[in-house]
N, C-alpha and C. Protein backbone atom coordinates (compact mmCIF):
# COMPACT_ATOMS: atom_id res chain seq x y z
N MET A 1 -20.74 -48.09 21.93
CA MET A 1 -21.65 -47.15 21.32
C MET A 1 -21.28 -45.71 21.68
N LYS A 2 -20.95 -45.49 22.93
CA LYS A 2 -20.58 -44.17 23.39
C LYS A 2 -19.29 -43.70 22.71
N THR A 3 -18.36 -44.58 22.47
CA THR A 3 -17.10 -44.25 21.81
C THR A 3 -17.36 -43.79 20.37
N LYS A 4 -18.32 -44.45 19.70
CA LYS A 4 -18.66 -44.05 18.33
C LYS A 4 -19.24 -42.65 18.30
N GLN A 5 -20.07 -42.32 19.28
CA GLN A 5 -20.66 -40.98 19.34
C GLN A 5 -19.58 -39.92 19.58
N ILE A 6 -18.66 -40.20 20.46
CA ILE A 6 -17.57 -39.26 20.76
C ILE A 6 -16.73 -39.03 19.51
N VAL A 7 -16.40 -40.12 18.82
CA VAL A 7 -15.60 -40.01 17.58
C VAL A 7 -16.38 -39.22 16.54
N MET A 8 -17.68 -39.50 16.40
CA MET A 8 -18.52 -38.82 15.42
C MET A 8 -18.62 -37.32 15.72
N TYR A 9 -18.85 -36.95 16.98
CA TYR A 9 -18.91 -35.55 17.36
C TYR A 9 -17.56 -34.86 17.16
N GLY A 10 -16.51 -35.56 17.47
CA GLY A 10 -15.18 -35.01 17.26
C GLY A 10 -14.91 -34.76 15.78
N LEU A 11 -15.29 -35.70 14.95
CA LEU A 11 -15.11 -35.57 13.50
C LEU A 11 -15.95 -34.44 12.94
N LEU A 12 -17.19 -34.34 13.37
CA LEU A 12 -18.07 -33.25 12.92
C LEU A 12 -17.54 -31.89 13.37
N SER A 13 -17.05 -31.82 14.58
CA SER A 13 -16.48 -30.56 15.08
C SER A 13 -15.26 -30.16 14.26
N PHE A 14 -14.42 -31.13 13.96
CA PHE A 14 -13.23 -30.87 13.15
C PHE A 14 -13.63 -30.38 11.77
N LEU A 15 -14.60 -31.03 11.13
CA LEU A 15 -15.06 -30.62 9.80
C LEU A 15 -15.66 -29.21 9.82
N ALA A 16 -16.46 -28.92 10.84
CA ALA A 16 -17.07 -27.59 10.95
C ALA A 16 -15.99 -26.52 11.12
N ALA A 17 -15.00 -26.79 11.96
CA ALA A 17 -13.91 -25.84 12.16
C ALA A 17 -13.10 -25.66 10.88
N SER A 18 -12.89 -26.73 10.15
CA SER A 18 -12.14 -26.66 8.89
C SER A 18 -12.87 -25.82 7.86
N VAL A 19 -14.16 -26.04 7.73
CA VAL A 19 -14.97 -25.26 6.78
C VAL A 19 -14.93 -23.78 7.17
N LEU A 20 -15.08 -23.48 8.43
CA LEU A 20 -15.03 -22.10 8.90
C LEU A 20 -13.66 -21.48 8.61
N ALA A 21 -12.60 -22.19 8.86
CA ALA A 21 -11.25 -21.68 8.60
C ALA A 21 -11.05 -21.41 7.12
N LEU A 22 -11.50 -22.32 6.27
CA LEU A 22 -11.38 -22.12 4.81
C LEU A 22 -12.19 -20.91 4.36
N TYR A 23 -13.38 -20.74 4.90
CA TYR A 23 -14.21 -19.59 4.56
C TYR A 23 -13.50 -18.29 4.93
N VAL A 24 -13.00 -18.21 6.14
CA VAL A 24 -12.31 -17.00 6.59
C VAL A 24 -11.08 -16.74 5.72
N TYR A 25 -10.31 -17.77 5.42
CA TYR A 25 -9.11 -17.61 4.59
C TYR A 25 -9.47 -17.07 3.21
N PHE A 26 -10.41 -17.71 2.52
CA PHE A 26 -10.74 -17.30 1.16
C PHE A 26 -11.48 -15.97 1.14
N PHE A 27 -12.29 -15.68 2.12
CA PHE A 27 -12.96 -14.39 2.19
C PHE A 27 -11.92 -13.28 2.32
N GLY A 28 -10.90 -13.51 3.13
CA GLY A 28 -9.82 -12.54 3.28
C GLY A 28 -9.04 -12.35 2.00
N GLN A 29 -8.87 -13.41 1.22
CA GLN A 29 -8.14 -13.31 -0.05
C GLN A 29 -8.93 -12.52 -1.08
N LEU A 30 -10.24 -12.59 -1.02
CA LEU A 30 -11.08 -11.94 -2.02
C LEU A 30 -11.38 -10.49 -1.67
N LYS A 31 -11.11 -10.10 -0.45
CA LYS A 31 -11.41 -8.75 -0.03
C LYS A 31 -10.64 -7.75 -0.87
N ASP A 32 -11.33 -6.80 -1.43
CA ASP A 32 -10.71 -5.79 -2.28
C ASP A 32 -10.38 -4.57 -1.41
N HIS A 33 -9.14 -4.18 -1.38
CA HIS A 33 -8.75 -3.02 -0.60
C HIS A 33 -9.39 -1.77 -1.18
N THR A 34 -9.77 -0.87 -0.30
CA THR A 34 -10.36 0.38 -0.73
C THR A 34 -9.24 1.37 -1.04
N PRO A 35 -9.55 2.43 -1.79
CA PRO A 35 -8.54 3.46 -2.04
C PRO A 35 -7.99 4.03 -0.73
N ASN A 36 -8.86 4.21 0.26
CA ASN A 36 -8.42 4.77 1.54
C ASN A 36 -7.41 3.86 2.24
N GLU A 37 -7.62 2.54 2.17
CA GLU A 37 -6.66 1.60 2.78
C GLU A 37 -5.31 1.69 2.09
N THR A 38 -5.31 1.85 0.78
CA THR A 38 -4.05 2.00 0.04
C THR A 38 -3.35 3.28 0.46
N VAL A 39 -4.12 4.36 0.59
CA VAL A 39 -3.53 5.65 1.01
C VAL A 39 -2.94 5.53 2.41
N GLN A 40 -3.65 4.90 3.32
CA GLN A 40 -3.13 4.75 4.68
C GLN A 40 -1.84 3.93 4.69
N SER A 41 -1.79 2.87 3.89
CA SER A 41 -0.56 2.07 3.79
C SER A 41 0.57 2.90 3.21
N TYR A 42 0.26 3.73 2.23
CA TYR A 42 1.26 4.60 1.60
C TYR A 42 1.84 5.57 2.63
N ILE A 43 0.97 6.22 3.39
CA ILE A 43 1.43 7.20 4.38
C ILE A 43 2.31 6.55 5.44
N VAL A 44 1.87 5.43 5.98
CA VAL A 44 2.65 4.73 7.00
C VAL A 44 3.99 4.28 6.43
N SER A 45 3.98 3.73 5.23
CA SER A 45 5.23 3.26 4.61
C SER A 45 6.18 4.41 4.34
N LEU A 46 5.65 5.55 3.89
CA LEU A 46 6.49 6.72 3.64
C LEU A 46 7.08 7.24 4.96
N GLN A 47 6.26 7.35 5.98
CA GLN A 47 6.74 7.84 7.27
C GLN A 47 7.80 6.91 7.87
N ASN A 48 7.66 5.62 7.64
CA ASN A 48 8.62 4.65 8.15
C ASN A 48 9.79 4.41 7.19
N ARG A 49 9.74 5.08 6.07
CA ARG A 49 10.76 4.93 5.01
C ARG A 49 10.91 3.45 4.61
N ASN A 50 9.76 2.79 4.50
CA ASN A 50 9.71 1.39 4.09
C ASN A 50 9.52 1.37 2.57
N PHE A 51 10.61 1.52 1.84
CA PHE A 51 10.55 1.65 0.39
C PHE A 51 10.15 0.35 -0.30
N ASP A 52 10.38 -0.77 0.33
CA ASP A 52 9.94 -2.05 -0.21
C ASP A 52 8.41 -2.08 -0.26
N GLU A 53 7.77 -1.68 0.81
CA GLU A 53 6.31 -1.65 0.84
C GLU A 53 5.76 -0.57 -0.08
N LEU A 54 6.44 0.57 -0.17
CA LEU A 54 6.00 1.61 -1.10
C LEU A 54 5.99 1.08 -2.53
N TYR A 55 7.01 0.33 -2.87
CA TYR A 55 7.09 -0.27 -4.21
C TYR A 55 5.88 -1.17 -4.45
N ASN A 56 5.47 -1.94 -3.44
CA ASN A 56 4.31 -2.83 -3.57
C ASN A 56 3.01 -2.08 -3.80
N LEU A 57 2.93 -0.84 -3.35
CA LEU A 57 1.70 -0.06 -3.46
C LEU A 57 1.56 0.63 -4.82
N MET A 58 2.61 0.61 -5.61
CA MET A 58 2.58 1.28 -6.91
C MET A 58 2.05 0.35 -8.00
N SER A 59 1.39 0.93 -8.99
CA SER A 59 0.87 0.10 -10.08
C SER A 59 2.02 -0.45 -10.91
N LYS A 60 1.85 -1.65 -11.37
CA LYS A 60 2.89 -2.33 -12.14
C LYS A 60 3.22 -1.55 -13.42
N GLU A 61 2.20 -1.07 -14.08
CA GLU A 61 2.40 -0.33 -15.33
C GLU A 61 3.21 0.94 -15.12
N SER A 62 2.90 1.70 -14.08
CA SER A 62 3.63 2.95 -13.85
C SER A 62 5.07 2.68 -13.42
N LEU A 63 5.30 1.58 -12.70
CA LEU A 63 6.67 1.23 -12.32
C LEU A 63 7.48 0.81 -13.55
N GLU A 64 6.84 0.08 -14.45
CA GLU A 64 7.54 -0.33 -15.68
C GLU A 64 7.93 0.89 -16.49
N GLN A 65 7.07 1.91 -16.53
CA GLN A 65 7.37 3.14 -17.27
C GLN A 65 8.55 3.89 -16.65
N SER A 66 8.70 3.77 -15.33
CA SER A 66 9.81 4.47 -14.66
C SER A 66 11.15 3.80 -14.95
N GLY A 67 11.10 2.50 -15.27
CA GLY A 67 12.33 1.77 -15.56
C GLY A 67 13.09 1.31 -14.32
N LEU A 68 12.52 1.52 -13.14
CA LEU A 68 13.20 1.12 -11.90
C LEU A 68 12.74 -0.27 -11.47
N THR A 69 13.68 -1.12 -11.17
CA THR A 69 13.36 -2.41 -10.58
C THR A 69 13.10 -2.19 -9.09
N ARG A 70 12.60 -3.21 -8.41
CA ARG A 70 12.37 -3.11 -6.97
C ARG A 70 13.67 -2.73 -6.25
N ASP A 71 14.76 -3.43 -6.55
CA ASP A 71 16.03 -3.17 -5.88
C ASP A 71 16.53 -1.75 -6.16
N GLN A 72 16.41 -1.29 -7.39
CA GLN A 72 16.84 0.06 -7.74
C GLN A 72 16.01 1.10 -7.00
N PHE A 73 14.71 0.87 -6.93
CA PHE A 73 13.79 1.78 -6.24
C PHE A 73 14.19 1.90 -4.77
N ILE A 74 14.36 0.76 -4.12
CA ILE A 74 14.70 0.74 -2.69
C ILE A 74 16.05 1.40 -2.45
N GLN A 75 17.05 1.03 -3.26
CA GLN A 75 18.39 1.60 -3.09
C GLN A 75 18.41 3.10 -3.33
N LYS A 76 17.71 3.54 -4.38
CA LYS A 76 17.69 4.97 -4.72
C LYS A 76 17.14 5.81 -3.57
N TYR A 77 15.94 5.45 -3.08
CA TYR A 77 15.31 6.29 -2.07
C TYR A 77 15.93 6.11 -0.69
N THR A 78 16.46 4.96 -0.40
CA THR A 78 17.19 4.77 0.85
C THR A 78 18.42 5.67 0.85
N ALA A 79 19.16 5.68 -0.24
CA ALA A 79 20.38 6.51 -0.34
C ALA A 79 20.04 8.00 -0.26
N VAL A 80 19.00 8.42 -0.98
CA VAL A 80 18.62 9.84 -0.97
C VAL A 80 18.21 10.28 0.43
N PHE A 81 17.39 9.50 1.09
CA PHE A 81 16.93 9.88 2.43
C PHE A 81 18.08 9.85 3.43
N GLU A 82 19.02 8.93 3.27
CA GLU A 82 20.19 8.91 4.16
C GLU A 82 21.07 10.13 3.92
N ARG A 83 21.31 10.48 2.65
CA ARG A 83 22.13 11.67 2.34
C ARG A 83 21.50 12.94 2.89
N MET A 84 20.18 13.02 2.81
CA MET A 84 19.47 14.19 3.32
C MET A 84 19.39 14.20 4.84
N GLY A 85 19.64 13.08 5.46
CA GLY A 85 19.52 12.98 6.91
C GLY A 85 18.08 13.13 7.37
N VAL A 86 17.16 12.46 6.66
CA VAL A 86 15.75 12.55 7.02
C VAL A 86 15.54 11.94 8.40
N GLN A 87 14.93 12.74 9.26
CA GLN A 87 14.69 12.31 10.63
C GLN A 87 13.24 11.95 10.87
N ASN A 88 12.34 12.64 10.17
CA ASN A 88 10.92 12.47 10.43
C ASN A 88 10.15 12.95 9.20
N ILE A 89 9.02 12.31 8.94
CA ILE A 89 8.13 12.74 7.86
C ILE A 89 6.73 12.82 8.45
N GLU A 90 6.13 13.99 8.33
CA GLU A 90 4.78 14.21 8.83
C GLU A 90 3.87 14.44 7.62
N VAL A 91 2.82 13.63 7.50
CA VAL A 91 1.93 13.71 6.35
C VAL A 91 0.53 14.10 6.82
N THR A 92 -0.08 15.02 6.07
CA THR A 92 -1.46 15.41 6.30
C THR A 92 -2.22 15.16 5.01
N ALA A 93 -3.25 14.32 5.08
CA ALA A 93 -3.99 13.96 3.87
C ALA A 93 -5.49 13.94 4.15
N GLY A 94 -6.24 14.23 3.12
CA GLY A 94 -7.69 14.13 3.21
C GLY A 94 -8.13 12.76 2.74
N MET A 95 -9.33 12.67 2.26
CA MET A 95 -9.88 11.43 1.74
C MET A 95 -9.69 11.39 0.23
N PRO A 96 -9.48 10.20 -0.33
CA PRO A 96 -9.41 10.09 -1.80
C PRO A 96 -10.74 10.51 -2.42
N LEU A 97 -10.65 11.27 -3.51
CA LEU A 97 -11.85 11.75 -4.20
C LEU A 97 -11.99 11.06 -5.54
N LYS A 98 -13.19 10.59 -5.83
CA LYS A 98 -13.47 9.88 -7.08
C LYS A 98 -13.45 10.87 -8.22
N SER A 99 -12.78 10.51 -9.29
CA SER A 99 -12.74 11.33 -10.50
C SER A 99 -14.10 11.29 -11.18
N MET A 100 -14.49 12.39 -11.78
CA MET A 100 -15.77 12.45 -12.49
C MET A 100 -15.71 11.70 -13.82
N ASP A 101 -14.52 11.68 -14.46
CA ASP A 101 -14.39 11.14 -15.81
C ASP A 101 -13.91 9.69 -15.86
N THR A 102 -13.27 9.21 -14.81
CA THR A 102 -12.68 7.87 -14.82
C THR A 102 -13.03 7.16 -13.51
N PRO A 103 -12.73 5.87 -13.43
CA PRO A 103 -12.97 5.16 -12.16
C PRO A 103 -11.87 5.41 -11.13
N ASP A 104 -10.92 6.28 -11.45
CA ASP A 104 -9.78 6.54 -10.59
C ASP A 104 -10.14 7.49 -9.45
N TYR A 105 -9.24 7.56 -8.47
CA TYR A 105 -9.35 8.48 -7.35
C TYR A 105 -8.10 9.36 -7.32
N THR A 106 -8.24 10.56 -6.80
CA THR A 106 -7.08 11.42 -6.57
C THR A 106 -7.05 11.82 -5.10
N LEU A 107 -5.87 12.17 -4.66
CA LEU A 107 -5.71 12.58 -3.27
C LEU A 107 -4.64 13.66 -3.21
N ASP A 108 -4.98 14.77 -2.59
CA ASP A 108 -4.01 15.82 -2.30
C ASP A 108 -3.53 15.62 -0.88
N TYR A 109 -2.23 15.74 -0.71
CA TYR A 109 -1.67 15.64 0.64
C TYR A 109 -0.45 16.53 0.75
N SER A 110 -0.10 16.85 1.98
CA SER A 110 1.10 17.65 2.22
C SER A 110 2.02 16.89 3.16
N ALA A 111 3.28 17.21 3.05
CA ALA A 111 4.26 16.54 3.90
C ALA A 111 5.29 17.54 4.39
N ILE A 112 5.73 17.33 5.60
CA ILE A 112 6.86 18.05 6.17
C ILE A 112 7.95 17.00 6.35
N ILE A 113 9.05 17.18 5.64
CA ILE A 113 10.18 16.26 5.75
C ILE A 113 11.24 16.97 6.57
N ARG A 114 11.47 16.45 7.75
CA ARG A 114 12.48 17.04 8.64
C ARG A 114 13.81 16.36 8.39
N THR A 115 14.80 17.17 8.04
CA THR A 115 16.14 16.66 7.75
C THR A 115 17.15 17.31 8.67
N GLN A 116 18.38 16.85 8.60
CA GLN A 116 19.43 17.46 9.41
C GLN A 116 19.71 18.89 9.00
N SER A 117 19.29 19.28 7.79
CA SER A 117 19.52 20.64 7.30
C SER A 117 18.31 21.54 7.45
N GLY A 118 17.20 21.02 7.90
CA GLY A 118 16.00 21.83 8.04
C GLY A 118 14.77 21.06 7.60
N GLU A 119 13.69 21.81 7.37
CA GLU A 119 12.43 21.20 7.00
C GLU A 119 12.08 21.51 5.56
N ILE A 120 11.48 20.52 4.90
CA ILE A 120 10.99 20.69 3.53
C ILE A 120 9.48 20.55 3.60
N TYR A 121 8.76 21.61 3.16
CA TYR A 121 7.31 21.59 3.11
C TYR A 121 6.91 21.41 1.65
N GLU A 122 6.04 20.46 1.39
CA GLU A 122 5.67 20.20 0.00
C GLU A 122 4.23 19.69 -0.07
N SER A 123 3.55 20.02 -1.17
CA SER A 123 2.22 19.50 -1.45
C SER A 123 2.32 18.52 -2.61
N TYR A 124 1.52 17.48 -2.54
CA TYR A 124 1.57 16.42 -3.54
C TYR A 124 0.16 16.05 -3.98
N GLN A 125 0.07 15.38 -5.12
CA GLN A 125 -1.19 14.79 -5.55
C GLN A 125 -0.89 13.42 -6.11
N LEU A 126 -1.62 12.43 -5.63
CA LEU A 126 -1.44 11.09 -6.17
C LEU A 126 -2.74 10.62 -6.79
N CYS A 127 -2.59 9.68 -7.72
CA CYS A 127 -3.73 9.09 -8.41
C CYS A 127 -3.78 7.61 -8.07
N LEU A 128 -4.96 7.14 -7.69
CA LEU A 128 -5.17 5.73 -7.36
C LEU A 128 -5.96 5.08 -8.49
N ILE A 129 -5.43 3.97 -8.97
CA ILE A 129 -6.08 3.23 -10.04
C ILE A 129 -6.24 1.78 -9.62
N GLN A 130 -7.16 1.09 -10.26
CA GLN A 130 -7.27 -0.35 -10.02
C GLN A 130 -6.31 -1.03 -10.98
N ASP A 131 -5.34 -1.73 -10.43
CA ASP A 131 -4.28 -2.34 -11.22
C ASP A 131 -4.80 -3.60 -11.91
N LYS A 132 -4.99 -3.51 -13.21
CA LYS A 132 -5.54 -4.64 -13.97
C LYS A 132 -4.57 -5.81 -14.04
N TYR A 133 -3.30 -5.57 -13.73
CA TYR A 133 -2.30 -6.64 -13.79
C TYR A 133 -2.21 -7.43 -12.50
N ASP A 134 -2.85 -6.92 -11.45
CA ASP A 134 -2.76 -7.57 -10.15
C ASP A 134 -4.05 -8.33 -9.86
N LYS A 135 -3.89 -9.55 -9.38
CA LYS A 135 -5.05 -10.41 -9.06
C LYS A 135 -5.97 -9.70 -8.08
N GLY A 136 -7.24 -9.66 -8.42
CA GLY A 136 -8.21 -9.02 -7.54
C GLY A 136 -8.36 -7.53 -7.79
N HIS A 137 -7.54 -6.97 -8.64
CA HIS A 137 -7.59 -5.54 -8.99
C HIS A 137 -7.56 -4.62 -7.78
N PRO A 138 -6.55 -4.73 -6.93
CA PRO A 138 -6.47 -3.84 -5.78
C PRO A 138 -6.16 -2.40 -6.22
N TRP A 139 -6.45 -1.48 -5.36
CA TRP A 139 -6.14 -0.08 -5.65
C TRP A 139 -4.65 0.14 -5.50
N LYS A 140 -4.05 0.70 -6.53
CA LYS A 140 -2.62 0.98 -6.54
C LYS A 140 -2.40 2.45 -6.86
N ILE A 141 -1.21 2.91 -6.57
CA ILE A 141 -0.85 4.30 -6.81
C ILE A 141 -0.12 4.40 -8.14
N GLN A 142 -0.53 5.38 -8.93
CA GLN A 142 0.15 5.61 -10.19
C GLN A 142 1.47 6.33 -9.87
N TRP A 143 2.56 5.60 -10.05
CA TRP A 143 3.87 6.06 -9.61
C TRP A 143 4.41 7.20 -10.45
N LYS A 144 5.01 8.15 -9.78
CA LYS A 144 5.87 9.17 -10.38
C LYS A 144 6.84 9.61 -9.28
N PRO A 145 8.09 9.88 -9.64
CA PRO A 145 9.11 10.19 -8.62
C PRO A 145 8.74 11.35 -7.70
N SER A 146 7.97 12.31 -8.20
CA SER A 146 7.63 13.47 -7.37
C SER A 146 6.66 13.13 -6.23
N LEU A 147 6.22 11.89 -6.13
CA LEU A 147 5.35 11.49 -5.01
C LEU A 147 6.14 11.33 -3.72
N ILE A 148 7.42 11.08 -3.83
CA ILE A 148 8.24 10.88 -2.63
C ILE A 148 9.04 12.13 -2.31
N LEU A 149 9.58 12.74 -3.32
CA LEU A 149 10.37 13.97 -3.13
C LEU A 149 9.93 15.02 -4.14
N PRO A 150 10.02 16.29 -3.77
CA PRO A 150 9.68 17.35 -4.73
C PRO A 150 10.56 17.24 -5.97
N ASP A 151 10.03 17.73 -7.09
CA ASP A 151 10.75 17.68 -8.37
C ASP A 151 12.11 18.38 -8.32
N ASP A 152 12.23 19.42 -7.52
CA ASP A 152 13.45 20.22 -7.54
C ASP A 152 14.54 19.69 -6.62
N LEU A 153 14.37 18.52 -6.01
CA LEU A 153 15.43 17.96 -5.16
C LEU A 153 16.21 16.92 -5.91
């Protein structure tokens, strides 16, 4: 009799733990990233020159318009930053601001790009949209080349 109780309690404990694990897993999958989380990921990825992650943060539609594949994007910006001898990128950004006319957000930020030839000071503006092509509609950045480097470089 005691063995049956031990087995029963063990089975119930296992089932309770399994249900809890599934809840945590699916809740994490459904969590919608905020515009601020996307911006923070963008800044960290830019500072670390993680162009693969930067590509992931861009909206699918805007990337298709650019005509760059993931590999082309990564190779292009890796090569440019290596040629420039980028040593450090310092970013200063505020909070994303909700647009009055659309569900989108905008963010103004500035960057100091330190290279072997000196420093580049530049101001940027990015637009955050909910990517309708991505499951869960996470906030993505509307891609344009001037988000990484000034237009005149």
